[in-house]
Amino acid sequence: MIPTPEPGPVRSADELNERIRDLMLRSGGRLSAEQRREYEVLVAEWAAAERGGIVKAA
C-alpha cells in the first residue's frame, strides 16, 4: 500500500525531488526501515505535486 502524504504545508515537486536525492545520498543508496518509510512518503507527496502541476490540454 502506498503511503499518503501527511496534511501540512504543500511542497513543490522540485523541493521534494531534492529531499529524495538528499536522502539517497546520505544513505549511500541503502535505506534503513525508517529511511524507507520517509522515502515512500516523499515519493507519494512528489507524485501528488507532479499531478497537481499537470494542466490538461484543450
Protein backbone atom coordinates (compact mmCIF):
# COMPACT_ATOMS: atom_id res chain seq x y z
CA MET A 1 0.00 0.00 0.00
CA ILE A 2 1.36 3.40 -0.99
CA PRO A 3 1.53 5.82 1.94
CA THR A 4 -0.44 9.03 1.65
CA PRO A 5 1.27 12.30 2.40
CA GLU A 6 0.51 13.85 5.77
CA PRO A 7 -1.55 17.03 5.69
CA GLY A 8 0.62 20.07 6.12
CA PRO A 9 2.42 22.68 4.11
CA VAL A 10 2.44 21.93 0.40
CA ARG A 11 5.93 21.46 -1.02
CA SER A 12 6.84 21.77 -4.68
CA ALA A 13 7.82 18.77 -6.77
CA ASP A 14 11.30 20.28 -7.14
CA GLU A 15 11.73 20.62 -3.37
CA LEU A 16 10.54 17.07 -2.80
CA ASN A 17 12.84 15.75 -5.53
CA GLU A 18 15.77 17.49 -3.81
CA ARG A 19 14.82 15.91 -0.47
CA ILE A 20 14.61 12.46 -2.09
CA ARG A 21 18.04 12.93 -3.68
CA ASP A 22 19.49 14.12 -0.36
CA LEU A 23 18.05 11.11 1.46
CA MET A 24 19.57 8.73 -1.08
CA LEU A 25 22.96 10.45 -0.92
CA ARG A 26 23.01 10.42 2.90
CA SER A 27 22.11 6.74 2.98
CA GLY A 28 24.54 5.71 0.28
CA GLY A 29 21.62 4.13 -1.57
CA ARG A 30 20.90 1.66 1.25
CA LEU A 31 17.85 2.78 3.18
CA SER A 32 17.10 1.68 6.73
CA ALA A 33 13.48 0.80 7.57
CA GLU A 34 12.90 4.32 8.91
CA GLN A 35 14.52 5.93 5.86
CA ARG A 36 12.46 3.69 3.58
CA ARG A 37 9.25 4.97 5.20
CA GLU A 38 10.45 8.56 4.76
CA TYR A 39 11.32 7.82 1.12
CA GLU A 40 7.88 6.33 0.44
CA VAL A 41 6.13 9.36 1.93
CA LEU A 42 8.33 11.75 -0.05
CA VAL A 43 7.71 9.87 -3.31
CA ALA A 44 3.95 9.82 -2.71
CA GLU A 45 3.99 13.54 -1.95
CA TRP A 46 6.18 14.19 -5.02
CA ALA A 47 3.76 12.25 -7.26
CA ALA A 48 0.82 14.26 -5.90
CA ALA A 49 2.71 17.51 -6.52
CA GLU A 50 3.50 16.41 -10.08
CA ARG A 51 -0.13 15.51 -10.77
CA GLY A 52 -1.19 18.89 -9.38
CA GLY A 53 1.14 20.63 -11.79
CA ILE A 54 -0.28 18.97 -14.90
CA VAL A 55 -2.68 21.10 -16.89
CA LYS A 56 -4.99 19.33 -19.32
CA ALA A 57 -4.70 20.46 -22.92
CA ALA A 58 -7.87 21.74 -24.56
